[in-house]
Amino acid sequence: MSEQHLEDKKTLSKNRKRVEKWLINNQRFINITGIEKEISAPKGLVQKYIKYDKKINDKWINPLHGIIKKITSLSLR
């Protein structure tokens, strides 16, 4: 395995932990459907993770991480 590939896996793993923890801790305050629409994810992706502990596919972790960073930055446009 290349060094870049290992680095990508490590970053994905770290982002997954952050995303999953944030979603669980803030589920009462977020609009799940709005987040899914923002990243063009399948309907129910986040809800299935929160409610049924169904694993989120790797391809959705980085977009979710990006939208969570955008939400938590509290920056005004």
PDB file of N, CA and C in Angstrom:
ATOM      1  N   MET A   1       0.840  -1.188   0.000  1.00  0.00           N
ATOM      2  CA  MET A   1       0.000   0.000   0.000  1.00  0.00           C
ATOM      3  C   MET A   1       0.881   1.246   0.000  1.00  0.00           C
ATOM      4  N   SER A   2       0.440   2.229  -0.725  1.00  0.00           N
ATOM      5  CA  SER A   2       1.212   3.456  -0.787  1.00  0.00           C
ATOM      6  C   SER A   2       0.982   4.284   0.487  1.00  0.00           C
ATOM      7  N   GLU A   3       1.919   5.176   0.702  1.00  0.00           N
ATOM      8  CA  GLU A   3       1.841   6.034   1.887  1.00  0.00           C
ATOM      9  C   GLU A   3       0.616   6.951   1.823  1.00  0.00           C
ATOM     10  N   GLN A   4       0.308   7.415   0.602  1.00  0.00           N
ATOM     11  CA  GLN A   4      -0.857   8.293   0.410  1.00  0.00           C
ATOM     12  C   GLN A   4      -2.156   7.557   0.744  1.00  0.00           C
ATOM     13  N   HIS A   5      -2.240   6.309   0.336  1.00  0.00           N
ATOM     14  CA  HIS A   5      -3.438   5.510   0.597  1.00  0.00           C
ATOM     15  C   HIS A   5      -3.642   5.319   2.100  1.00  0.00           C
ATOM     16  N   LEU A   6      -2.567   5.059   2.818  1.00  0.00           N
ATOM     17  CA  LEU A   6      -2.657   4.894   4.271  1.00  0.00           C
ATOM     18  C   LEU A   6      -3.095   6.195   4.943  1.00  0.00           C
ATOM     19  N   GLU A   7      -2.565   7.302   4.451  1.00  0.00           N
ATOM     20  CA  GLU A   7      -2.932   8.618   4.990  1.00  0.00           C
ATOM     21  C   GLU A   7      -4.415   8.901   4.760  1.00  0.00           C
ATOM     22  N   ASP A   8      -4.924   8.555   3.570  1.00  0.00           N
ATOM     23  CA  ASP A   8      -6.344   8.755   3.253  1.00  0.00           C
ATOM     24  C   ASP A   8      -7.236   7.911   4.163  1.00  0.00           C
ATOM     25  N   LYS A   9      -6.835   6.674   4.414  1.00  0.00           N
ATOM     26  CA  LYS A   9      -7.617   5.798   5.294  1.00  0.00           C
ATOM     27  C   LYS A   9      -7.646   6.339   6.717  1.00  0.00           C
ATOM     28  N   LYS A  10      -6.508   6.858   7.175  1.00  0.00           N
ATOM     29  CA  LYS A  10      -6.427   7.407   8.527  1.00  0.00           C
ATOM     30  C   LYS A  10      -7.319   8.645   8.650  1.00  0.00           C
ATOM     31  N   THR A  11      -7.280   9.508   7.637  1.00  0.00           N
ATOM     32  CA  THR A  11      -8.112  10.716   7.638  1.00  0.00           C
ATOM     33  C   THR A  11      -9.590  10.345   7.609  1.00  0.00           C
ATOM     34  N   LEU A  12      -9.945   9.376   6.770  1.00  0.00           N
ATOM     35  CA  LEU A  12     -11.334   8.936   6.686  1.00  0.00           C
ATOM     36  C   LEU A  12     -11.813   8.378   8.017  1.00  0.00           C
ATOM     37  N   SER A  13     -10.964   7.597   8.675  1.00  0.00           N
ATOM     38  CA  SER A  13     -11.318   7.008   9.964  1.00  0.00           C
ATOM     39  C   SER A  13     -11.539   8.098  11.021  1.00  0.00           C
ATOM     40  N   LYS A  14     -10.649   9.082  11.018  1.00  0.00           N
ATOM     41  CA  LYS A  14     -10.763  10.179  11.978  1.00  0.00           C
ATOM     42  C   LYS A  14     -12.029  11.003  11.711  1.00  0.00           C
ATOM     43  N   ASN A  15     -12.292  11.286  10.426  1.00  0.00           N
ATOM     44  CA  ASN A  15     -13.492  12.042  10.067  1.00  0.00           C
ATOM     45  C   ASN A  15     -14.750  11.254  10.415  1.00  0.00           C
ATOM     46  N   ARG A  16     -14.728   9.923  10.201  1.00  0.00           N
ATOM     47  CA  ARG A  16     -15.892   9.083  10.522  1.00  0.00           C
ATOM     48  C   ARG A  16     -16.224   9.188  12.002  1.00  0.00           C
ATOM     49  N   LYS A  17     -15.208   9.090  12.853  1.00  0.00           N
ATOM     50  CA  LYS A  17     -15.441   9.175  14.305  1.00  0.00           C
ATOM     51  C   LYS A  17     -16.042  10.522  14.680  1.00  0.00           C
ATOM     52  N   ARG A  18     -15.506  11.585  14.089  1.00  0.00           N
ATOM     53  CA  ARG A  18     -16.018  12.927  14.381  1.00  0.00           C
ATOM     54  C   ARG A  18     -17.461  13.086  13.933  1.00  0.00           C
ATOM     55  N   VAL A  19     -17.749  12.647  12.708  1.00  0.00           N
ATOM     56  CA  VAL A  19     -19.096  12.775  12.145  1.00  0.00           C
ATOM     57  C   VAL A  19     -20.092  11.975  12.980  1.00  0.00           C
ATOM     58  N   GLU A  20     -19.767  10.723  13.262  1.00  0.00           N
ATOM     59  CA  GLU A  20     -20.692   9.872  14.005  1.00  0.00           C
ATOM     60  C   GLU A  20     -20.961  10.415  15.400  1.00  0.00           C
ATOM     61  N   LYS A  21     -19.924  10.854  16.083  1.00  0.00           N
ATOM     62  CA  LYS A  21     -20.096  11.401  17.431  1.00  0.00           C
ATOM     63  C   LYS A  21     -20.944  12.676  17.388  1.00  0.00           C
ATOM     64  N   TRP A  22     -20.660  13.554  16.418  1.00  0.00           N
ATOM     65  CA  TRP A  22     -21.399  14.809  16.310  1.00  0.00           C
ATOM     66  C   TRP A  22     -22.872  14.550  16.017  1.00  0.00           C
ATOM     67  N   LEU A  23     -23.154  13.632  15.111  1.00  0.00           N
ATOM     68  CA  LEU A  23     -24.554  13.331  14.762  1.00  0.00           C
ATOM     69  C   LEU A  23     -25.320  12.799  15.966  1.00  0.00           C
ATOM     70  N   ILE A  24     -24.702  11.903  16.733  1.00  0.00           N
ATOM     71  CA  ILE A  24     -25.365  11.345  17.914  1.00  0.00           C
ATOM     72  C   ILE A  24     -25.597  12.436  18.959  1.00  0.00           C
ATOM     73  N   ASN A  25     -24.580  13.254  19.219  1.00  0.00           N
ATOM     74  CA  ASN A  25     -24.686  14.278  20.256  1.00  0.00           C
ATOM     75  C   ASN A  25     -25.652  15.408  19.906  1.00  0.00           C
ATOM     76  N   ASN A  26     -25.845  15.676  18.612  1.00  0.00           N
ATOM     77  CA  ASN A  26     -26.646  16.828  18.194  1.00  0.00           C
ATOM     78  C   ASN A  26     -27.915  16.461  17.445  1.00  0.00           C
ATOM     79  N   GLN A  27     -28.338  15.216  17.532  1.00  0.00           N
ATOM     80  CA  GLN A  27     -29.501  14.773  16.766  1.00  0.00           C
ATOM     81  C   GLN A  27     -30.772  15.544  17.101  1.00  0.00           C
ATOM     82  N   ARG A  28     -30.887  16.045  18.324  1.00  0.00           N
ATOM     83  CA  ARG A  28     -32.096  16.792  18.709  1.00  0.00           C
ATOM     84  C   ARG A  28     -32.154  18.160  18.051  1.00  0.00           C
ATOM     85  N   PHE A  29     -31.005  18.691  17.642  1.00  0.00           N
ATOM     86  CA  PHE A  29     -30.939  20.081  17.190  1.00  0.00           C
ATOM     87  C   PHE A  29     -30.832  20.244  15.684  1.00  0.00           C
ATOM     88  N   ILE A  30     -30.625  19.151  14.945  1.00  0.00           N
ATOM     89  CA  ILE A  30     -30.342  19.283  13.519  1.00  0.00           C
ATOM     90  C   ILE A  30     -31.530  18.859  12.660  1.00  0.00           C
ATOM     91  N   ASN A  31     -31.568  19.398  11.455  1.00  0.00           N
ATOM     92  CA  ASN A  31     -32.537  19.009  10.452  1.00  0.00           C
ATOM     93  C   ASN A  31     -31.848  17.955   9.575  1.00  0.00           C
ATOM     94  N   ILE A  32     -32.122  16.697   9.864  1.00  0.00           N
ATOM     95  CA  ILE A  32     -31.447  15.589   9.188  1.00  0.00           C
ATOM     96  C   ILE A  32     -31.719  15.615   7.688  1.00  0.00           C
ATOM     97  N   THR A  33     -32.956  15.844   7.305  1.00  0.00           N
ATOM     98  CA  THR A  33     -33.315  15.865   5.886  1.00  0.00           C
ATOM     99  C   THR A  33     -32.582  16.993   5.163  1.00  0.00           C
ATOM    100  N   GLY A  34     -32.467  18.138   5.817  1.00  0.00           N
ATOM    101  CA  GLY A  34     -31.763  19.275   5.215  1.00  0.00           C
ATOM    102  C   GLY A  34     -30.292  18.974   4.973  1.00  0.00           C
ATOM    103  N   ILE A  35     -29.663  18.287   5.911  1.00  0.00           N
ATOM    104  CA  ILE A  35     -28.251  17.915   5.755  1.00  0.00           C
ATOM    105  C   ILE A  35     -28.104  16.933   4.592  1.00  0.00           C
ATOM    106  N   GLU A  36     -28.996  15.964   4.516  1.00  0.00           N
ATOM    107  CA  GLU A  36     -28.940  14.980   3.422  1.00  0.00           C
ATOM    108  C   GLU A  36     -29.130  15.658   2.068  1.00  0.00           C
ATOM    109  N   LYS A  37     -30.060  16.600   1.975  1.00  0.00           N
ATOM    110  CA  LYS A  37     -30.289  17.309   0.712  1.00  0.00           C
ATOM    111  C   LYS A  37     -29.081  18.159   0.339  1.00  0.00           C
ATOM    112  N   GLU A  38     -28.448  18.775   1.314  1.00  0.00           N
ATOM    113  CA  GLU A  38     -27.294  19.648   1.062  1.00  0.00           C
ATOM    114  C   GLU A  38     -26.148  18.899   0.387  1.00  0.00           C
ATOM    115  N   ILE A  39     -25.946  17.650   0.751  1.00  0.00           N
ATOM    116  CA  ILE A  39     -24.850  16.870   0.157  1.00  0.00           C
ATOM    117  C   ILE A  39     -25.352  15.885  -0.896  1.00  0.00           C
ATOM    118  N   SER A  40     -26.630  15.964  -1.260  1.00  0.00           N
ATOM    119  CA  SER A  40     -27.258  15.068  -2.245  1.00  0.00           C
ATOM    120  C   SER A  40     -27.125  13.597  -1.858  1.00  0.00           C
ATOM    121  N   ALA A  41     -27.271  13.323  -0.588  1.00  0.00           N
ATOM    122  CA  ALA A  41     -27.200  11.948  -0.078  1.00  0.00           C
ATOM    123  C   ALA A  41     -28.566  11.286  -0.204  1.00  0.00           C
ATOM    124  N   PRO A  42     -28.601   9.967  -0.196  1.00  0.00           N
ATOM    125  CA  PRO A  42     -29.892   9.264  -0.239  1.00  0.00           C
ATOM    126  C   PRO A  42     -30.740   9.603   0.988  1.00  0.00           C
ATOM    127  N   LYS A  43     -32.031   9.692   0.770  1.00  0.00           N
ATOM    128  CA  LYS A  43     -32.952  10.017   1.857  1.00  0.00           C
ATOM    129  C   LYS A  43     -32.879   8.925   2.926  1.00  0.00           C
ATOM    130  N   GLY A  44     -32.737   9.321   4.165  1.00  0.00           N
ATOM    131  CA  GLY A  44     -32.700   8.372   5.271  1.00  0.00           C
ATOM    132  C   GLY A  44     -31.313   7.919   5.674  1.00  0.00           C
ATOM    133  N   LEU A  45     -30.277   8.372   4.985  1.00  0.00           N
ATOM    134  CA  LEU A  45     -28.904   7.951   5.285  1.00  0.00           C
ATOM    135  C   LEU A  45     -28.527   8.245   6.739  1.00  0.00           C
ATOM    136  N   VAL A  46     -28.705   9.478   7.153  1.00  0.00           N
ATOM    137  CA  VAL A  46     -28.323   9.884   8.510  1.00  0.00           C
ATOM    138  C   VAL A  46     -29.291   9.300   9.535  1.00  0.00           C
ATOM    139  N   GLN A  47     -30.573   9.308   9.213  1.00  0.00           N
ATOM    140  CA  GLN A  47     -31.568   8.776  10.147  1.00  0.00           C
ATOM    141  C   GLN A  47     -31.320   7.300  10.437  1.00  0.00           C
ATOM    142  N   LYS A  48     -30.981   6.525   9.416  1.00  0.00           N
ATOM    143  CA  LYS A  48     -30.715   5.100   9.612  1.00  0.00           C
ATOM    144  C   LYS A  48     -29.502   4.891  10.506  1.00  0.00           C
ATOM    145  N   TYR A  49     -28.510   5.799  10.390  1.00  0.00           N
ATOM    146  CA  TYR A  49     -27.345   5.677  11.279  1.00  0.00           C
ATOM    147  C   TYR A  49     -27.763   5.969  12.727  1.00  0.00           C
ATOM    148  N   ILE A  50     -28.473   7.069  12.920  1.00  0.00           N
ATOM    149  CA  ILE A  50     -28.845   7.487  14.275  1.00  0.00           C
ATOM    150  C   ILE A  50     -29.805   6.493  14.924  1.00  0.00           C
ATOM    151  N   LYS A  51     -30.827   6.097  14.194  1.00  0.00           N
ATOM    152  CA  LYS A  51     -31.888   5.283  14.773  1.00  0.00           C
ATOM    153  C   LYS A  51     -31.554   3.794  14.827  1.00  0.00           C
ATOM    154  N   TYR A  52     -30.931   3.276  13.764  1.00  0.00           N
ATOM    155  CA  TYR A  52     -30.709   1.833  13.666  1.00  0.00           C
ATOM    156  C   TYR A  52     -29.235   1.434  13.691  1.00  0.00           C
ATOM    157  N   ASP A  53     -28.346   2.407  13.896  1.00  0.00           N
ATOM    158  CA  ASP A  53     -26.904   2.158  13.949  1.00  0.00           C
ATOM    159  C   ASP A  53     -26.387   1.496  12.669  1.00  0.00           C
ATOM    160  N   LYS A  54     -26.976   1.870  11.525  1.00  0.00           N
ATOM    161  CA  LYS A  54     -26.521   1.356  10.235  1.00  0.00           C
ATOM    162  C   LYS A  54     -25.309   2.176   9.794  1.00  0.00           C
ATOM    163  N   LYS A  55     -24.236   1.520   9.413  1.00  0.00           N
ATOM    164  CA  LYS A  55     -22.993   2.189   9.045  1.00  0.00           C
ATOM    165  C   LYS A  55     -23.199   3.109   7.843  1.00  0.00           C
ATOM    166  N   ILE A  56     -22.613   4.296   7.909  1.00  0.00           N
ATOM    167  CA  ILE A  56     -22.661   5.244   6.803  1.00  0.00           C
ATOM    168  C   ILE A  56     -21.569   4.859   5.810  1.00  0.00           C
ATOM    169  N   ASN A  57     -21.916   4.791   4.535  1.00  0.00           N
ATOM    170  CA  ASN A  57     -20.959   4.443   3.488  1.00  0.00           C
ATOM    171  C   ASN A  57     -19.802   5.443   3.480  1.00  0.00           C
ATOM    172  N   ASP A  58     -18.608   4.949   3.201  1.00  0.00           N
ATOM    173  CA  ASP A  58     -17.394   5.779   3.213  1.00  0.00           C
ATOM    174  C   ASP A  58     -17.502   7.006   2.312  1.00  0.00           C
ATOM    175  N   LYS A  59     -18.195   6.883   1.186  1.00  0.00           N
ATOM    176  CA  LYS A  59     -18.235   8.015   0.259  1.00  0.00           C
ATOM    177  C   LYS A  59     -19.021   9.202   0.805  1.00  0.00           C
ATOM    178  N   TRP A  60     -19.822   9.013   1.855  1.00  0.00           N
ATOM    179  CA  TRP A  60     -20.611  10.111   2.417  1.00  0.00           C
ATOM    180  C   TRP A  60     -19.952  10.746   3.637  1.00  0.00           C
ATOM    181  N   ILE A  61     -18.889  10.155   4.152  1.00  0.00           N
ATOM    182  CA  ILE A  61     -18.258  10.680   5.370  1.00  0.00           C
ATOM    183  C   ILE A  61     -17.647  12.064   5.140  1.00  0.00           C
ATOM    184  N   ASN A  62     -16.844  12.223   4.100  1.00  0.00           N
ATOM    185  CA  ASN A  62     -16.210  13.525   3.866  1.00  0.00           C
ATOM    186  C   ASN A  62     -17.209  14.630   3.542  1.00  0.00           C
ATOM    187  N   PRO A  63     -18.248  14.383   2.710  1.00  0.00           N
ATOM    188  CA  PRO A  63     -19.256  15.439   2.528  1.00  0.00           C
ATOM    189  C   PRO A  63     -19.980  15.804   3.830  1.00  0.00           C
ATOM    190  N   LEU A  64     -20.290  14.804   4.652  1.00  0.00           N
ATOM    191  CA  LEU A  64     -20.926  15.079   5.948  1.00  0.00           C
ATOM    192  C   LEU A  64     -19.988  15.878   6.849  1.00  0.00           C
ATOM    193  N   HIS A  65     -18.710  15.510   6.844  1.00  0.00           N
ATOM    194  CA  HIS A  65     -17.730  16.230   7.658  1.00  0.00           C
ATOM    195  C   HIS A  65     -17.655  17.691   7.218  1.00  0.00           C
ATOM    196  N   GLY A  66     -17.695  17.917   5.903  1.00  0.00           N
ATOM    197  CA  GLY A  66     -17.647  19.287   5.385  1.00  0.00           C
ATOM    198  C   GLY A  66     -18.852  20.108   5.810  1.00  0.00           C
ATOM    199  N   ILE A  67     -20.039  19.522   5.737  1.00  0.00           N
ATOM    200  CA  ILE A  67     -21.252  20.267   6.106  1.00  0.00           C
ATOM    201  C   ILE A  67     -21.298  20.507   7.608  1.00  0.00           C
ATOM    202  N   ILE A  68     -20.806  19.573   8.395  1.00  0.00           N
ATOM    203  CA  ILE A  68     -20.770  19.758   9.849  1.00  0.00           C
ATOM    204  C   ILE A  68     -19.792  20.873  10.208  1.00  0.00           C
ATOM    205  N   LYS A  69     -18.646  20.914   9.537  1.00  0.00           N
ATOM    206  CA  LYS A  69     -17.695  22.005   9.769  1.00  0.00           C
ATOM    207  C   LYS A  69     -18.336  23.347   9.434  1.00  0.00           C
ATOM    208  N   LYS A  70     -19.112  23.365   8.346  1.00  0.00           N
ATOM    209  CA  LYS A  70     -19.796  24.599   7.940  1.00  0.00           C
ATOM    210  C   LYS A  70     -20.829  25.020   8.980  1.00  0.00           C
ATOM    211  N   ILE A  71     -21.571  24.050   9.512  1.00  0.00           N
ATOM    212  CA  ILE A  71     -22.596  24.342  10.520  1.00  0.00           C
ATOM    213  C   ILE A  71     -21.957  24.838  11.816  1.00  0.00           C
ATOM    214  N   THR A  72     -20.894  24.174  12.242  1.00  0.00           N
ATOM    215  CA  THR A  72     -20.310  24.488  13.546  1.00  0.00           C
ATOM    216  C   THR A  72     -19.409  25.714  13.538  1.00  0.00           C
ATOM    217  N   SER A  73     -19.043  26.216  12.372  1.00  0.00           N
ATOM    218  CA  SER A  73     -18.154  27.378  12.335  1.00  0.00           C
ATOM    219  C   SER A  73     -18.871  28.647  12.767  1.00  0.00           C
ATOM    220  N   LEU A  74     -20.192  28.667  12.668  1.00  0.00           N
ATOM    221  CA  LEU A  74     -21.017  29.837  13.024  1.00  0.00           C
ATOM    222  C   LEU A  74     -20.598  31.097  12.282  1.00  0.00           C
ATOM    223  N   SER A  75     -20.068  30.915  11.095  1.00  0.00           N
ATOM    224  CA  SER A  75     -19.658  32.086  10.318  1.00  0.00           C
ATOM    225  C   SER A  75     -20.848  32.650   9.566  1.00  0.00           C
ATOM    226  N   LEU A  76     -20.884  33.939   9.466  1.00  0.00           N
ATOM    227  CA  LEU A  76     -21.954  34.610   8.724  1.00  0.00           C
ATOM    228  C   LEU A  76     -21.446  34.909   7.330  1.00  0.00           C
ATOM    229  N   ARG A  77     -22.307  34.744   6.362  1.00  0.00           N
ATOM    230  CA  ARG A  77     -21.881  35.001   4.987  1.00  0.00           C
ATOM    231  C   ARG A  77     -21.984  36.459   4.656  1.00  0.00           C
TER     232      ARG A  77
END
